[in-house]
Protein backbone atom coordinates (compact mmCIF):
# COMPACT_ATOMS: atom_id res chain seq x y z
CA MET A 1 -20.65 -8.14 -2.57
CA ASP A 2 -19.86 -4.96 -4.48
CA VAL A 3 -16.68 -2.97 -5.04
CA ALA A 4 -16.23 0.70 -5.94
CA VAL A 5 -12.94 1.98 -7.35
CA LEU A 6 -12.41 5.71 -6.87
CA GLY A 7 -10.21 7.11 -9.62
CA ALA A 8 -10.99 4.16 -11.84
CA THR A 9 -9.41 5.62 -14.98
CA GLY A 10 -6.02 6.46 -13.46
CA ASP A 11 -3.05 4.18 -14.05
CA VAL A 12 -3.55 2.18 -10.86
CA GLY A 13 -7.33 2.42 -10.81
CA ARG A 14 -7.59 1.00 -14.31
CA GLN A 15 -5.29 -1.87 -13.35
CA VAL A 16 -7.32 -2.58 -10.22
CA CYS A 17 -10.54 -2.72 -12.22
CA THR A 18 -8.99 -4.93 -14.87
CA GLN A 19 -7.47 -7.36 -12.39
CA LEU A 20 -10.67 -7.58 -10.35
CA VAL A 21 -12.48 -8.75 -13.48
CA GLU A 22 -9.67 -10.78 -15.05
CA ARG A 23 -8.91 -12.68 -11.84
CA ARG A 24 -12.66 -13.28 -11.34
CA VAL A 25 -12.60 -11.84 -7.85
CA LEU A 26 -16.15 -10.60 -8.40
CA PRO A 27 -18.86 -13.05 -9.52
CA THR A 28 -21.25 -12.03 -12.27
CA SER A 29 -23.91 -11.22 -9.66
CA SER A 30 -21.70 -8.61 -7.95
CA ARG A 31 -21.24 -5.02 -9.00
CA LEU A 32 -18.12 -3.10 -9.89
CA GLN A 33 -18.62 0.63 -9.66
CA LEU A 34 -16.22 2.80 -11.65
CA VAL A 35 -15.97 6.19 -9.96
CA GLY A 36 -14.78 9.31 -11.76
CA ARG A 37 -15.38 13.07 -11.69
CA ALA A 38 -18.33 14.75 -13.33
CA GLY A 39 -17.45 16.77 -16.41
CA GLY A 40 -14.33 16.75 -18.55
CA SER A 41 -12.09 13.88 -19.49
CA SER A 42 -12.61 11.80 -16.35
CA ALA A 43 -16.33 11.32 -16.95
CA ARG A 44 -15.78 10.40 -20.59
CA ALA A 45 -12.95 8.00 -19.77
CA THR A 46 -14.95 6.29 -17.02
CA HIS A 47 -17.78 5.48 -19.40
CA GLY A 48 -15.21 4.35 -21.96
CA LEU A 49 -13.50 2.07 -19.42
CA ARG A 50 -16.82 0.43 -18.63
CA ALA A 51 -17.39 -0.30 -22.32
CA ASP A 52 -13.85 -1.67 -22.70
CA LEU A 53 -14.14 -4.02 -19.70
CA VAL A 54 -17.49 -5.37 -20.87
CA ASP A 55 -16.08 -5.85 -24.35
CA ALA A 56 -13.05 -7.77 -23.07
CA TYR A 57 -14.63 -9.88 -20.31
CA ASP A 58 -18.30 -10.15 -21.19
CA GLU A 59 -18.57 -13.87 -20.36
CA HIS A 60 -17.53 -13.46 -16.71
CA ALA A 61 -17.68 -9.72 -15.99
CA PRO A 62 -19.67 -8.53 -12.98
CA LEU A 63 -22.29 -5.85 -13.34
CA ILE A 64 -20.37 -2.66 -14.11
CA ASP A 65 -21.71 0.84 -13.63
CA VAL A 66 -20.43 4.39 -13.42
CA ALA A 67 -20.61 6.97 -10.62
CA LEU A 68 -19.44 10.56 -11.07
CA ALA A 69 -20.07 12.09 -7.64
CA PRO A 70 -18.85 11.13 -4.14
CA GLU A 71 -22.42 10.81 -2.83
CA ASP A 72 -23.21 8.19 -5.48
CA VAL A 73 -20.57 5.72 -4.25
CA VAL A 74 -22.25 2.54 -3.01
CA ALA A 75 -20.23 -0.61 -2.28
CA ASP A 76 -19.13 -3.06 0.37
CA VAL A 77 -15.46 -2.39 -0.39
CA VAL A 78 -14.24 1.02 -1.54
CA VAL A 79 -10.79 1.24 -3.16
CA VAL A 80 -9.31 4.74 -3.10
CA CYS A 81 -7.12 5.33 -6.17
CA ALA A 82 -8.25 8.92 -6.76
CA GLY A 83 -6.02 11.97 -6.59
CA VAL A 84 -2.79 13.21 -8.13
CA THR A 85 0.35 11.12 -8.42
CA ALA A 86 4.02 11.96 -8.75
CA PRO A 87 5.08 12.14 -12.41
CA PRO A 88 7.37 9.28 -13.50
CA ARG A 89 10.47 10.90 -14.92
CA ALA A 90 14.20 10.70 -14.45
CA GLY A 91 15.46 12.75 -11.55
CA ALA A 92 11.99 13.43 -10.16
CA SER A 93 11.39 13.00 -6.45
CA THR A 94 8.09 12.27 -4.79
CA ASP A 95 7.14 15.41 -2.88
CA ARG A 96 4.88 13.89 -0.24
CA THR A 97 4.06 17.35 1.15
CA ARG A 98 2.70 18.48 -2.20
CA LEU A 99 0.85 15.21 -2.70
CA ALA A 100 -0.70 15.59 0.74
CA ALA A 101 -1.80 19.16 0.08
CA GLU A 102 -3.47 18.21 -3.21
CA ASN A 103 -4.96 14.87 -2.19
CA HIS A 104 -6.29 15.83 1.23
CA ALA A 105 -9.31 17.49 -0.38
CA VAL A 106 -9.98 14.33 -2.42
CA PHE A 107 -9.76 12.08 0.63
CA ASP A 108 -11.95 14.40 2.66
CA ALA A 109 -14.69 14.71 0.02
CA TYR A 110 -15.12 10.96 -0.31
CA ALA A 111 -14.81 10.35 3.43
CA ARG A 112 -17.58 12.86 4.17
CA ALA A 113 -19.81 11.44 1.45
CA LEU A 114 -19.38 7.86 2.69
CA ALA A 115 -20.05 8.92 6.26
CA VAL A 116 -23.34 10.58 5.25
CA HIS A 117 -24.57 8.42 2.39
CA GLY A 118 -22.87 5.06 2.97
CA SER A 119 -24.19 1.97 4.69
CA GLY A 120 -21.94 2.33 7.71
CA ASN A 121 -20.29 -1.01 6.95
CA GLU A 122 -18.02 -0.23 4.00
CA VAL A 123 -14.39 -1.25 4.26
CA VAL A 124 -11.99 1.21 2.63
CA VAL A 125 -8.65 0.25 1.07
CA VAL A 126 -6.48 3.33 0.56
CA VAL A 127 -4.08 3.15 -2.39
CA SER A 128 -3.49 6.83 -3.20
CA ASN A 129 -0.50 8.57 -1.69
CA PRO A 130 0.24 9.66 0.89
CA VAL A 131 -1.36 6.43 2.10
CA GLU A 132 -1.02 7.47 5.73
CA LEU A 133 -2.95 10.70 5.17
CA GLY A 134 -5.71 8.86 3.33
CA VAL A 135 -6.01 6.37 6.20
CA ALA A 136 -6.15 9.15 8.80
CA VAL A 137 -8.85 11.08 6.93
CA MET A 138 -11.00 8.03 6.22
CA ALA A 139 -10.57 6.55 9.70
CA ARG A 140 -11.69 9.78 11.37
CA ALA A 141 -14.89 9.79 9.31
CA LEU A 142 -15.69 6.07 9.17
CA GLY A 143 -14.02 4.38 12.13
CA ARG A 144 -10.47 3.13 12.24
CA HIS A 145 -11.12 -0.62 11.91
CA ARG A 146 -12.88 -0.12 8.57
CA VAL A 147 -9.87 1.53 6.91
CA ILE A 148 -6.56 0.01 5.79
CA GLY A 149 -3.78 1.35 3.59
CA MET A 150 -2.30 -1.14 1.16
CA GLY A 151 1.22 0.35 1.06
CA ALA A 152 2.71 -1.90 3.74
CA TRP A 153 1.30 -4.98 2.01
CA LEU A 154 2.86 -3.99 -1.32
CA ASP A 155 6.18 -3.32 0.45
CA THR A 156 5.86 -6.69 2.21
CA LEU A 157 5.37 -8.56 -1.06
CA ARG A 158 8.39 -6.80 -2.55
CA PHE A 159 10.51 -7.64 0.49
CA ARG A 160 9.48 -11.30 0.37
CA ARG A 161 10.23 -11.50 -3.32
CA GLU A 162 13.72 -10.06 -2.91
CA ILE A 163 14.49 -12.55 -0.13
CA ALA A 164 13.14 -15.39 -2.27
CA VAL A 165 15.30 -14.34 -5.23
CA SER A 166 18.41 -14.29 -3.03
CA LEU A 167 17.65 -17.79 -1.73
CA GLY A 168 16.63 -19.21 -5.10
CA LEU A 169 13.07 -19.87 -3.90
CA ARG A 170 9.54 -18.89 -4.87
CA ARG A 171 7.94 -16.03 -2.95
CA HIS A 172 5.21 -18.20 -1.43
CA ARG A 173 7.86 -19.94 0.69
CA ILE A 174 8.86 -16.70 2.39
CA GLY A 175 7.06 -15.11 5.34
CA GLY A 176 7.81 -11.82 7.01
CA PHE A 177 6.49 -8.27 6.98
CA VAL A 178 7.36 -4.67 6.26
CA ALA A 179 6.00 -2.00 8.58
CA GLY A 180 6.25 1.78 8.96
CA GLN A 181 5.52 4.29 6.21
CA HIS A 182 5.00 3.36 2.59
CA GLY A 183 8.00 4.22 0.43
CA SER A 184 11.50 5.09 1.51
CA ASP A 185 10.54 5.17 5.20
CA LEU A 186 9.48 1.53 5.28
CA VAL A 187 10.77 -0.67 8.11
CA PRO A 188 11.78 -4.20 7.04
CA LEU A 189 10.99 -6.50 9.96
CA TRP A 190 13.76 -9.04 9.57
CA SER A 191 12.76 -10.55 12.93
CA THR A 192 9.49 -11.75 11.36
CA VAL A 193 11.07 -13.49 8.37
CA ARG A 194 10.35 -17.20 8.02
CA VAL A 195 11.49 -19.57 5.27
CA SER A 196 9.47 -22.69 4.60
CA GLY A 197 11.66 -25.76 4.95
CA LEU A 198 14.32 -24.17 7.16
CA ASP A 199 14.53 -24.70 10.91
CA ARG A 200 15.38 -21.86 13.28
CA ALA A 201 19.15 -22.30 13.09
CA GLU A 202 19.15 -22.62 9.30
CA ARG A 203 16.91 -19.60 8.99
CA ARG A 204 19.18 -17.52 11.22
CA ARG A 205 22.24 -18.41 9.15
CA ALA A 206 20.41 -17.58 5.93
CA ILE A 207 19.18 -14.22 7.22
CA ASP A 208 22.57 -13.28 8.62
CA ALA A 209 24.11 -13.99 5.22
CA LEU A 210 21.47 -11.87 3.47
CA ARG A 211 21.88 -8.92 5.83
CA ARG A 212 25.68 -8.91 5.50
CA GLY A 213 26.29 -7.66 9.05
CA ARG A 214 24.12 -4.58 8.59
CA THR A 215 21.46 -3.24 10.96
CA LEU A 216 18.61 -0.80 10.37
CA ALA A 217 20.58 1.91 12.14
CA THR A 218 22.18 2.75 8.77
CA PHE A 219 19.20 1.89 6.56
CA GLY A 220 18.08 5.46 5.88
CA ALA A 221 21.58 6.54 4.89
CA GLU A 222 21.90 3.50 2.63
CA ILE A 223 18.68 4.40 0.83
CA ALA A 224 19.78 8.00 0.28
CA ASP A 225 23.18 6.88 -1.01
CA ALA A 226 21.56 4.27 -3.27
CA GLN A 227 19.27 6.84 -4.86
CA THR A 228 22.17 9.19 -5.53
CA ARG A 229 24.22 6.44 -7.14
CA LEU A 230 21.31 5.18 -9.21
CA LEU A 231 20.46 8.61 -10.60
CA ALA A 232 24.04 9.17 -11.72
CA LEU A 233 24.31 5.74 -13.32
CA ALA A 234 20.86 5.82 -14.92
CA ALA A 235 21.75 9.03 -16.74
CA GLU A 236 24.26 6.97 -18.74
CA ASP A 237 22.84 3.43 -18.70
CA ILE A 238 19.47 2.56 -17.18
CA GLY A 239 20.14 -1.15 -17.56
CA ALA A 240 23.33 -0.82 -15.53
CA ALA A 241 21.35 0.92 -12.78
CA PHE A 242 19.00 -2.04 -12.46
CA ASP A 243 21.99 -4.40 -12.53
CA LEU A 244 23.51 -2.48 -9.63
CA ILE A 245 20.32 -2.93 -7.62
CA ASP A 246 20.64 -6.69 -8.08
CA SER A 247 23.94 -6.63 -6.19
CA TRP A 248 22.45 -5.14 -3.01
CA PRO A 249 20.85 -6.84 0.02
CA PRO A 250 17.13 -7.71 -0.20
CA ASP A 251 15.78 -4.96 2.07
CA LEU A 252 17.61 -2.26 0.11
CA ARG A 253 16.47 -3.79 -3.20
CA ALA A 254 12.86 -3.72 -1.98
CA VAL A 255 13.10 0.08 -1.77
CA ALA A 256 15.44 0.80 -4.67
CA ARG A 257 13.85 -1.32 -7.39
CA PRO A 258 10.37 0.31 -7.40
CA TRP A 259 11.99 3.71 -6.93
CA MET A 260 14.20 3.13 -9.97
CA THR A 261 11.23 1.82 -11.93
CA HIS A 262 9.48 5.13 -11.34
CA GLN A 263 12.62 7.08 -12.22
CA SER A 264 12.89 5.15 -15.49
CA GLY A 265 9.68 6.69 -16.73
CA ALA A 266 7.68 3.51 -16.20
CA LYS A 267 5.18 3.08 -13.39
CA THR A 268 4.46 0.45 -10.75
CA ALA A 269 0.74 0.25 -11.47
CA ALA A 270 0.56 -3.51 -12.11
CA GLY A 271 2.28 -4.48 -8.86
CA THR A 272 0.33 -1.91 -6.85
CA ALA A 273 -2.95 -3.13 -8.28
CA SER A 274 -2.09 -6.78 -7.69
CA ALA A 275 -1.39 -6.17 -3.99
CA THR A 276 -4.61 -4.16 -3.73
CA VAL A 277 -6.69 -6.89 -5.34
CA ASP A 278 -5.19 -9.40 -2.87
CA LEU A 279 -6.68 -7.35 -0.03
CA VAL A 280 -10.03 -6.91 -1.78
CA ASP A 281 -10.21 -10.66 -2.44
CA THR A 282 -9.69 -11.32 1.27
CA LEU A 283 -12.38 -8.83 2.26
CA LEU A 284 -14.90 -10.39 -0.11
CA ASP A 285 -14.48 -14.11 0.50
CA GLY A 286 -15.05 -14.21 4.25
CA ARG A 287 -11.69 -15.48 5.42
CA GLU A 288 -9.27 -13.82 7.79
CA ILE A 289 -5.58 -13.57 6.99
CA VAL A 290 -2.60 -11.72 8.40
CA VAL A 291 -1.37 -8.95 6.10
CA ALA A 292 0.53 -5.72 6.61
CA GLY A 293 -1.23 -2.42 6.22
CA GLN A 294 -1.30 1.19 7.32
CA VAL A 295 -3.92 1.51 10.06
CA LEU A 296 -4.82 3.93 12.84
CA LEU A 297 -3.50 2.34 16.02
CA ASP A 298 -4.64 3.01 19.55
CA GLY A 299 -2.01 1.20 21.58
CA GLU A 300 -2.73 -2.28 20.20
CA VAL A 301 0.98 -3.04 19.99
CA SER A 302 4.07 -1.91 21.88
CA VAL A 303 7.71 -1.82 20.87
CA GLY A 304 10.60 -1.20 23.20
CA GLY A 305 8.15 -0.38 25.98
CA THR A 306 6.39 2.28 23.86
CA ALA A 307 2.73 1.78 22.98
CA LEU A 308 2.14 2.62 19.34
CA ASP A 309 -0.74 4.92 18.48
CA GLY A 310 -1.38 6.98 15.38
CA VAL A 311 -1.15 5.85 11.76
CA LEU A 312 1.52 3.24 11.06
CA GLY A 313 2.04 0.20 8.88
CA VAL A 314 1.98 -3.01 10.95
CA PRO A 315 0.88 -6.64 10.52
CA VAL A 316 -2.86 -6.94 11.11
CA VAL A 317 -5.63 -9.53 10.89
CA LEU A 318 -7.86 -8.57 7.97
CA GLY A 319 -11.33 -9.98 7.41
CA PRO A 320 -14.71 -9.10 5.90
CA GLU A 321 -15.40 -6.30 8.40
CA GLY A 322 -11.96 -4.72 8.19
CA TRP A 323 -8.95 -5.21 10.41
CA THR A 324 -9.57 -6.63 13.87
CA ARG A 325 -6.18 -7.07 15.53
CA ALA A 326 -2.65 -5.80 15.14
CA LEU A 327 -0.09 -8.58 15.47
CA LEU A 328 3.45 -7.54 16.27
CA ASP A 329 5.61 -9.36 18.76
CA GLU A 330 8.45 -7.39 20.27
CA PRO A 331 10.75 -6.69 17.30
CA ALA A 332 14.52 -6.47 17.31
CA PRO A 333 15.89 -3.29 18.94
CA ASP A 334 16.91 -1.67 15.65
CA GLU A 335 13.44 -2.35 14.23
CA ALA A 336 11.72 -0.96 17.34
CA GLU A 337 13.74 2.23 17.25
CA LEU A 338 13.04 2.79 13.57
CA LEU A 339 9.32 2.10 14.01
CA VAL A 340 8.96 4.71 16.74
CA ARG A 341 10.85 7.29 14.68
CA CYS A 342 8.71 6.48 11.66
CA ARG A 343 5.51 6.83 13.69
CA ASP A 344 6.67 10.25 14.86
CA ARG A 345 7.46 11.40 11.30
CA ILE A 346 4.03 10.29 10.10
CA ASP A 347 2.42 12.04 13.05
CA ALA A 348 4.22 15.28 12.19
CA SER A 349 3.13 15.03 8.55
CA LEU A 350 -0.54 14.72 9.62
CA ALA A 351 -0.44 17.60 12.09
CA PRO A 352 -1.33 20.36 9.55
CA TRP A 353 -4.79 18.79 9.19
CA GLY A 354 -5.29 18.09 12.88
CA LEU A 355 -4.88 14.39 12.18
CA GLY A 356 -1.85 13.66 14.34
CA ARG A 357 -2.12 11.71 17.56
CA ALA A 358 -3.38 14.78 19.38
CA GLY A 359 -6.14 15.32 16.82
CA VAL A 360 -7.44 11.85 15.93
CA GLY A 361 -9.87 10.03 18.14
CA ALA A 362 -10.33 6.27 18.34
């Protein structure tokens, strides 16, 4: 099976390509298509990236080629890393409205090209932000079950890691999911957390200790306060800012740590790419697993008596043909309330393009 990476020479795209080859996700008989833009630096860099990957991994590299136009994209799995990103610098905030305005055209161009020139079976993994907009655009053109955004899976892995660190365990012993919108509007589903080796009573005591009596009713305010405190501290001592994050509960750390990483001037490309490659690996090897991802729902799950439709991050079953089922038992009341509010905010953000619940068909 073949993979195409749109925006292959960007920070995340380059990491995705490198990890696909380095982790041997693609056999030598498969094809990795590096997709850039015709003309200018992107075209040159895409050809250069191909040469670099072949040079580094010649013994086990797949077939690698270059495409420089949306209509030339041909693959079983298409990874969308194209578009602009927020600049990593101290004090900068991610303006999702601006990102949406600039990246909508990118999403739309590739979605239209795949709809016309594709096989009709491609599965699309959206990495570029806003993830929810990319999912809505691609799902409208290609069908909603063939499109998944990786943001909720990345947030889930971060959440699991922070819980594992607090308990002195490895991440693979922690279950549980993050839902909602990728970024500061994520919804940590504490009700889904499981810890290998702990029975129900032990797990409940451990989770209660980690949450410190808090509920998600104050989560948004905690995030805003954390960002204010971190910016002030980082201006004097960036190391102290990261130390402060270590003192917070796991769900708050899962938001604050990557945010502070971006504010530091570094980027989160390696972690983002690793989570993306996890999903690609699943799509290619024929198995089905439960992950979290942004998808276009049509009432597959309900919370608090409200059927969820529209784009939202939820746990789903992912397999070779895309996602097949959304799996979300009735969450805790504070989680349900936050999920509905998050769905409504996403819906409002998609409305300018006619992609809200009133404008997107199944």
